[in-house]
Amino acid sequence: MKVVVVDYGLGNLHSVVKALTHVGADVCVSEDPAIVRTAERLVLPGVGAFADGMRGLRERKLVEALLEMATTER
């Protein structure tokens, strides 16, 4: 299974990638909206500072891609 971990400038990406790899996922870390749109599965690493997280998503133009993925059946 191809899993894209969304890099929006926050979150502990290394730990997330390590955990997903440990359970057998094919993991890719990306901030590219085109890659996000084609993912089989997405992981948006958690962060305690939500405003900072949203800022990172907007700066990387990822909000629209994430909304598309959330409303598409896969």
PDB file of N, CA and C in Angstrom:
ATOM      1  N   MET A   1       0.851  -1.173   0.000  1.00  0.00           N
ATOM      2  CA  MET A   1       0.000   0.000   0.000  1.00  0.00           C
ATOM      3  C   MET A   1       0.897   1.237   0.000  1.00  0.00           C
ATOM      4  N   LYS A   2       0.629   2.169  -0.909  1.00  0.00           N
ATOM      5  CA  LYS A   2       1.383   3.423  -0.995  1.00  0.00           C
ATOM      6  C   LYS A   2       0.765   4.440  -0.046  1.00  0.00           C
ATOM      7  N   VAL A   3       1.570   4.935   0.885  1.00  0.00           N
ATOM      8  CA  VAL A   3       1.124   5.913   1.871  1.00  0.00           C
ATOM      9  C   VAL A   3       1.964   7.172   1.709  1.00  0.00           C
ATOM     10  N   VAL A   4       1.291   8.300   1.553  1.00  0.00           N
ATOM     11  CA  VAL A   4       1.990   9.580   1.482  1.00  0.00           C
ATOM     12  C   VAL A   4       1.846  10.274   2.831  1.00  0.00           C
ATOM     13  N   VAL A   5       2.979  10.604   3.427  1.00  0.00           N
ATOM     14  CA  VAL A   5       3.013  11.395   4.651  1.00  0.00           C
ATOM     15  C   VAL A   5       3.178  12.841   4.206  1.00  0.00           C
ATOM     16  N   VAL A   6       2.216  13.675   4.560  1.00  0.00           N
ATOM     17  CA  VAL A   6       2.207  15.064   4.104  1.00  0.00           C
ATOM     18  C   VAL A   6       3.189  15.882   4.933  1.00  0.00           C
ATOM     19  N   ASP A   7       4.158  16.478   4.236  1.00  0.00           N
ATOM     20  CA  ASP A   7       5.154  17.341   4.883  1.00  0.00           C
ATOM     21  C   ASP A   7       4.679  18.776   4.770  1.00  0.00           C
ATOM     22  N   TYR A   8       4.202  19.321   5.865  1.00  0.00           N
ATOM     23  CA  TYR A   8       3.741  20.707   5.876  1.00  0.00           C
ATOM     24  C   TYR A   8       4.563  21.543   6.842  1.00  0.00           C
ATOM     25  N   GLY A   9       5.765  21.055   7.134  1.00  0.00           N
ATOM     26  CA  GLY A   9       6.710  21.817   7.931  1.00  0.00           C
ATOM     27  C   GLY A   9       6.631  21.584   9.426  1.00  0.00           C
ATOM     28  N   LEU A  10       5.717  20.750   9.878  1.00  0.00           N
ATOM     29  CA  LEU A  10       5.570  20.453  11.303  1.00  0.00           C
ATOM     30  C   LEU A  10       5.353  18.963  11.491  1.00  0.00           C
ATOM     31  N   GLY A  11       5.436  18.522  12.710  1.00  0.00           N
ATOM     32  CA  GLY A  11       5.197  17.118  13.008  1.00  0.00           C
ATOM     33  C   GLY A  11       6.492  16.322  12.965  1.00  0.00           C
ATOM     34  N   ASN A  12       6.477  15.187  13.612  1.00  0.00           N
ATOM     35  CA  ASN A  12       7.642  14.324  13.678  1.00  0.00           C
ATOM     36  C   ASN A  12       7.574  13.311  12.538  1.00  0.00           C
ATOM     37  N   LEU A  13       8.015  13.735  11.373  1.00  0.00           N
ATOM     38  CA  LEU A  13       7.919  12.890  10.183  1.00  0.00           C
ATOM     39  C   LEU A  13       8.703  11.596  10.333  1.00  0.00           C
ATOM     40  N   HIS A  14       9.879  11.674  10.924  1.00  0.00           N
ATOM     41  CA  HIS A  14      10.722  10.482  11.047  1.00  0.00           C
ATOM     42  C   HIS A  14      10.001   9.371  11.812  1.00  0.00           C
ATOM     43  N   SER A  15       9.382   9.706  12.919  1.00  0.00           N
ATOM     44  CA  SER A  15       8.676   8.693  13.714  1.00  0.00           C
ATOM     45  C   SER A  15       7.497   8.105  12.957  1.00  0.00           C
ATOM     46  N   VAL A  16       6.775   8.948  12.237  1.00  0.00           N
ATOM     47  CA  VAL A  16       5.621   8.476  11.463  1.00  0.00           C
ATOM     48  C   VAL A  16       6.082   7.534  10.357  1.00  0.00           C
ATOM     49  N   VAL A  17       7.113   7.934   9.626  1.00  0.00           N
ATOM     50  CA  VAL A  17       7.639   7.095   8.541  1.00  0.00           C
ATOM     51  C   VAL A  17       8.150   5.766   9.097  1.00  0.00           C
ATOM     52  N   LYS A  18       8.865   5.820  10.198  1.00  0.00           N
ATOM     53  CA  LYS A  18       9.401   4.598  10.806  1.00  0.00           C
ATOM     54  C   LYS A  18       8.275   3.640  11.209  1.00  0.00           C
ATOM     55  N   ALA A  19       7.225   4.166  11.808  1.00  0.00           N
ATOM     56  CA  ALA A  19       6.102   3.319  12.227  1.00  0.00           C
ATOM     57  C   ALA A  19       5.391   2.700  11.029  1.00  0.00           C
ATOM     58  N   LEU A  20       5.154   3.495   9.999  1.00  0.00           N
ATOM     59  CA  LEU A  20       4.465   2.977   8.813  1.00  0.00           C
ATOM     60  C   LEU A  20       5.309   1.933   8.090  1.00  0.00           C
ATOM     61  N   THR A  21       6.597   2.182   7.991  1.00  0.00           N
ATOM     62  CA  THR A  21       7.502   1.228   7.356  1.00  0.00           C
ATOM     63  C   THR A  21       7.534  -0.080   8.148  1.00  0.00           C
ATOM     64  N   HIS A  22       7.508   0.034   9.451  1.00  0.00           N
ATOM     65  CA  HIS A  22       7.530  -1.145  10.327  1.00  0.00           C
ATOM     66  C   HIS A  22       6.336  -2.067  10.071  1.00  0.00           C
ATOM     67  N   VAL A  23       5.193  -1.502   9.721  1.00  0.00           N
ATOM     68  CA  VAL A  23       4.010  -2.332   9.453  1.00  0.00           C
ATOM     69  C   VAL A  23       3.854  -2.671   7.974  1.00  0.00           C
ATOM     70  N   GLY A  24       4.894  -2.374   7.178  1.00  0.00           N
ATOM     71  CA  GLY A  24       4.915  -2.821   5.796  1.00  0.00           C
ATOM     72  C   GLY A  24       4.410  -1.853   4.746  1.00  0.00           C
ATOM     73  N   ALA A  25       4.175  -0.616   5.107  1.00  0.00           N
ATOM     74  CA  ALA A  25       3.687   0.363   4.129  1.00  0.00           C
ATOM     75  C   ALA A  25       4.829   0.847   3.238  1.00  0.00           C
ATOM     76  N   ASP A  26       4.488   1.161   2.011  1.00  0.00           N
ATOM     77  CA  ASP A  26       5.400   1.803   1.065  1.00  0.00           C
ATOM     78  C   ASP A  26       5.209   3.305   1.267  1.00  0.00           C
ATOM     79  N   VAL A  27       6.164   3.961   1.923  1.00  0.00           N
ATOM     80  CA  VAL A  27       5.982   5.331   2.396  1.00  0.00           C
ATOM     81  C   VAL A  27       6.737   6.335   1.544  1.00  0.00           C
ATOM     82  N   CYS A  28       6.066   7.442   1.282  1.00  0.00           N
ATOM     83  CA  CYS A  28       6.648   8.582   0.582  1.00  0.00           C
ATOM     84  C   CYS A  28       6.301   9.830   1.391  1.00  0.00           C
ATOM     85  N   VAL A  29       7.280  10.693   1.623  1.00  0.00           N
ATOM     86  CA  VAL A  29       7.035  11.974   2.288  1.00  0.00           C
ATOM     87  C   VAL A  29       7.022  13.036   1.204  1.00  0.00           C
ATOM     88  N   SER A  30       5.972  13.876   1.186  1.00  0.00           N
ATOM     89  CA  SER A  30       5.875  14.874   0.125  1.00  0.00           C
ATOM     90  C   SER A  30       5.114  16.110   0.569  1.00  0.00           C
ATOM     91  N   GLU A  31       5.510  17.234  -0.020  1.00  0.00           N
ATOM     92  CA  GLU A  31       4.756  18.480   0.129  1.00  0.00           C
ATOM     93  C   GLU A  31       4.161  18.896  -1.212  1.00  0.00           C
ATOM     94  N   ASP A  32       4.225  18.004  -2.196  1.00  0.00           N
ATOM     95  CA  ASP A  32       3.744  18.281  -3.550  1.00  0.00           C
ATOM     96  C   ASP A  32       2.250  17.947  -3.660  1.00  0.00           C
ATOM     97  N   PRO A  33       1.388  18.947  -3.937  1.00  0.00           N
ATOM     98  CA  PRO A  33      -0.049  18.679  -4.053  1.00  0.00           C
ATOM     99  C   PRO A  33      -0.387  17.595  -5.083  1.00  0.00           C
ATOM    100  N   ALA A  34       0.367  17.520  -6.166  1.00  0.00           N
ATOM    101  CA  ALA A  34       0.092  16.505  -7.188  1.00  0.00           C
ATOM    102  C   ALA A  34       0.298  15.098  -6.630  1.00  0.00           C
ATOM    103  N   ILE A  35       1.310  14.907  -5.829  1.00  0.00           N
ATOM    104  CA  ILE A  35       1.559  13.599  -5.220  1.00  0.00           C
ATOM    105  C   ILE A  35       0.490  13.298  -4.178  1.00  0.00           C
ATOM    106  N   VAL A  36       0.106  14.299  -3.410  1.00  0.00           N
ATOM    107  CA  VAL A  36      -0.961  14.125  -2.413  1.00  0.00           C
ATOM    108  C   VAL A  36      -2.245  13.666  -3.089  1.00  0.00           C
ATOM    109  N   ARG A  37      -2.572  14.257  -4.233  1.00  0.00           N
ATOM    110  CA  ARG A  37      -3.816  13.916  -4.942  1.00  0.00           C
ATOM    111  C   ARG A  37      -3.835  12.482  -5.461  1.00  0.00           C
ATOM    112  N   THR A  38      -2.682  11.897  -5.704  1.00  0.00           N
ATOM    113  CA  THR A  38      -2.636  10.550  -6.281  1.00  0.00           C
ATOM    114  C   THR A  38      -2.354   9.463  -5.250  1.00  0.00           C
ATOM    115  N   ALA A  39      -2.293   9.827  -3.988  1.00  0.00           N
ATOM    116  CA  ALA A  39      -1.971   8.855  -2.937  1.00  0.00           C
ATOM    117  C   ALA A  39      -3.100   7.851  -2.735  1.00  0.00           C
ATOM    118  N   GLU A  40      -2.721   6.622  -2.431  1.00  0.00           N
ATOM    119  CA  GLU A  40      -3.721   5.625  -2.021  1.00  0.00           C
ATOM    120  C   GLU A  40      -4.219   5.947  -0.618  1.00  0.00           C
ATOM    121  N   ARG A  41      -3.293   6.322   0.252  1.00  0.00           N
ATOM    122  CA  ARG A  41      -3.598   6.683   1.634  1.00  0.00           C
ATOM    123  C   ARG A  41      -2.750   7.893   2.016  1.00  0.00           C
ATOM    124  N   LEU A  42      -3.306   8.729   2.896  1.00  0.00           N
ATOM    125  CA  LEU A  42      -2.597   9.919   3.373  1.00  0.00           C
ATOM    126  C   LEU A  42      -2.447   9.876   4.879  1.00  0.00           C
ATOM    127  N   VAL A  43      -1.328  10.384   5.342  1.00  0.00           N
ATOM    128  CA  VAL A  43      -1.134  10.599   6.770  1.00  0.00           C
ATOM    129  C   VAL A  43      -0.736  12.051   6.940  1.00  0.00           C
ATOM    130  N   LEU A  44      -1.484  12.736   7.770  1.00  0.00           N
ATOM    131  CA  LEU A  44      -1.217  14.129   8.107  1.00  0.00           C
ATOM    132  C   LEU A  44      -0.738  14.124   9.558  1.00  0.00           C
ATOM    133  N   PRO A  45       0.587  14.162   9.765  1.00  0.00           N
ATOM    134  CA  PRO A  45       1.105  14.048  11.128  1.00  0.00           C
ATOM    135  C   PRO A  45       0.512  15.106  12.051  1.00  0.00           C
ATOM    136  N   GLY A  46       0.195  14.691  13.260  1.00  0.00           N
ATOM    137  CA  GLY A  46      -0.412  15.597  14.229  1.00  0.00           C
ATOM    138  C   GLY A  46       0.553  16.646  14.743  1.00  0.00           C
ATOM    139  N   VAL A  47      -0.036  17.729  15.168  1.00  0.00           N
ATOM    140  CA  VAL A  47       0.753  18.816  15.743  1.00  0.00           C
ATOM    141  C   VAL A  47      -0.138  19.534  16.750  1.00  0.00           C
ATOM    142  N   GLY A  48       0.438  19.942  17.853  1.00  0.00           N
ATOM    143  CA  GLY A  48      -0.344  20.618  18.882  1.00  0.00           C
ATOM    144  C   GLY A  48      -0.712  22.045  18.532  1.00  0.00           C
ATOM    145  N   ALA A  49       0.052  22.665  17.657  1.00  0.00           N
ATOM    146  CA  ALA A  49      -0.179  24.065  17.285  1.00  0.00           C
ATOM    147  C   ALA A  49      -0.944  24.102  15.967  1.00  0.00           C
ATOM    148  N   PHE A  50      -2.276  24.021  16.040  1.00  0.00           N
ATOM    149  CA  PHE A  50      -3.092  23.892  14.837  1.00  0.00           C
ATOM    150  C   PHE A  50      -2.941  25.082  13.892  1.00  0.00           C
ATOM    151  N   ALA A  51      -2.875  26.291  14.425  1.00  0.00           N
ATOM    152  CA  ALA A  51      -2.732  27.478  13.567  1.00  0.00           C
ATOM    153  C   ALA A  51      -1.441  27.404  12.759  1.00  0.00           C
ATOM    154  N   ASP A  52      -0.360  26.965  13.387  1.00  0.00           N
ATOM    155  CA  ASP A  52       0.909  26.816  12.669  1.00  0.00           C
ATOM    156  C   ASP A  52       0.805  25.728  11.605  1.00  0.00           C
ATOM    157  N   GLY A  53       0.099  24.652  11.930  1.00  0.00           N
ATOM    158  CA  GLY A  53      -0.092  23.580  10.962  1.00  0.00           C
ATOM    159  C   GLY A  53      -0.868  24.042   9.746  1.00  0.00           C
ATOM    160  N   MET A  54      -1.945  24.780   9.957  1.00  0.00           N
ATOM    161  CA  MET A  54      -2.731  25.306   8.832  1.00  0.00           C
ATOM    162  C   MET A  54      -1.905  26.277   8.002  1.00  0.00           C
ATOM    163  N   ARG A  55      -1.096  27.076   8.643  1.00  0.00           N
ATOM    164  CA  ARG A  55      -0.232  28.011   7.909  1.00  0.00           C
ATOM    165  C   ARG A  55       0.712  27.231   6.991  1.00  0.00           C
ATOM    166  N   GLY A  56       1.297  26.157   7.513  1.00  0.00           N
ATOM    167  CA  GLY A  56       2.187  25.328   6.708  1.00  0.00           C
ATOM    168  C   GLY A  56       1.470  24.693   5.529  1.00  0.00           C
ATOM    169  N   LEU A  57       0.241  24.231   5.748  1.00  0.00           N
ATOM    170  CA  LEU A  57      -0.541  23.644   4.654  1.00  0.00           C
ATOM    171  C   LEU A  57      -0.858  24.684   3.590  1.00  0.00           C
ATOM    172  N   ARG A  58      -1.238  25.877   4.018  1.00  0.00           N
ATOM    173  CA  ARG A  58      -1.550  26.943   3.049  1.00  0.00           C
ATOM    174  C   ARG A  58      -0.312  27.368   2.266  1.00  0.00           C
ATOM    175  N   GLU A  59       0.810  27.537   2.948  1.00  0.00           N
ATOM    176  CA  GLU A  59       2.048  27.952   2.278  1.00  0.00           C
ATOM    177  C   GLU A  59       2.451  26.966   1.194  1.00  0.00           C
ATOM    178  N   ARG A  60       2.180  25.701   1.411  1.00  0.00           N
ATOM    179  CA  ARG A  60       2.559  24.670   0.440  1.00  0.00           C
ATOM    180  C   ARG A  60       1.431  24.348  -0.535  1.00  0.00           C
ATOM    181  N   LYS A  61       0.343  25.111  -0.444  1.00  0.00           N
ATOM    182  CA  LYS A  61      -0.817  24.941  -1.325  1.00  0.00           C
ATOM    183  C   LYS A  61      -1.380  23.517  -1.257  1.00  0.00           C
ATOM    184  N   LEU A  62      -1.445  22.973  -0.052  1.00  0.00           N
ATOM    185  CA  LEU A  62      -1.913  21.607   0.154  1.00  0.00           C
ATOM    186  C   LEU A  62      -3.362  21.511   0.597  1.00  0.00           C
ATOM    187  N   VAL A  63      -3.983  22.601   1.001  1.00  0.00           N
ATOM    188  CA  VAL A  63      -5.342  22.548   1.545  1.00  0.00           C
ATOM    189  C   VAL A  63      -6.322  21.991   0.519  1.00  0.00           C
ATOM    190  N   GLU A  64      -6.294  22.506  -0.691  1.00  0.00           N
ATOM    191  CA  GLU A  64      -7.227  22.042  -1.727  1.00  0.00           C
ATOM    192  C   GLU A  64      -7.021  20.560  -2.035  1.00  0.00           C
ATOM    193  N   ALA A  65      -5.773  20.133  -2.155  1.00  0.00           N
ATOM    194  CA  ALA A  65      -5.492  18.725  -2.444  1.00  0.00           C
ATOM    195  C   ALA A  65      -6.009  17.828  -1.324  1.00  0.00           C
ATOM    196  N   LEU A  66      -5.835  18.253  -0.079  1.00  0.00           N
ATOM    197  CA  LEU A  66      -6.321  17.461   1.051  1.00  0.00           C
ATOM    198  C   LEU A  66      -7.842  17.400   1.081  1.00  0.00           C
ATOM    199  N   LEU A  67      -8.495  18.509   0.781  1.00  0.00           N
ATOM    200  CA  LEU A  67      -9.962  18.513   0.732  1.00  0.00           C
ATOM    201  C   LEU A  67     -10.478  17.588  -0.363  1.00  0.00           C
ATOM    202  N   GLU A  68      -9.815  17.593  -1.520  1.00  0.00           N
ATOM    203  CA  GLU A  68     -10.203  16.687  -2.606  1.00  0.00           C
ATOM    204  C   GLU A  68     -10.071  15.233  -2.164  1.00  0.00           C
ATOM    205  N   MET A  69      -8.959  14.910  -1.512  1.00  0.00           N
ATOM    206  CA  MET A  69      -8.742  13.537  -1.063  1.00  0.00           C
ATOM    207  C   MET A  69      -9.770  13.128  -0.010  1.00  0.00           C
ATOM    208  N   ALA A  70     -10.137  14.039   0.854  1.00  0.00           N
ATOM    209  CA  ALA A  70     -11.086  13.727   1.928  1.00  0.00           C
ATOM    210  C   ALA A  70     -12.490  13.467   1.401  1.00  0.00           C
ATOM    211  N   THR A  71     -12.819  14.019   0.245  1.00  0.00           N
ATOM    212  CA  THR A  71     -14.172  13.868  -0.292  1.00  0.00           C
ATOM    213  C   THR A  71     -14.255  12.860  -1.431  1.00  0.00           C
ATOM    214  N   THR A  72     -13.154  12.178  -1.722  1.00  0.00           N
ATOM    215  CA  THR A  72     -13.114  11.191  -2.792  1.00  0.00           C
ATOM    216  C   THR A  72     -13.113   9.795  -2.189  1.00  0.00           C
ATOM    217  N   GLU A  73     -13.966   8.922  -2.714  1.00  0.00           N
ATOM    218  CA  GLU A  73     -13.967   7.535  -2.236  1.00  0.00           C
ATOM    219  C   GLU A  73     -12.752   6.819  -2.779  1.00  0.00           C
ATOM    220  N   ARG A  74     -12.016   6.194  -1.895  1.00  0.00           N
ATOM    221  CA  ARG A  74     -10.836   5.396  -2.282  1.00  0.00           C
ATOM    222  C   ARG A  74     -10.793   4.150  -1.472  1.00  0.00           C
TER     223      ARG A  74
END
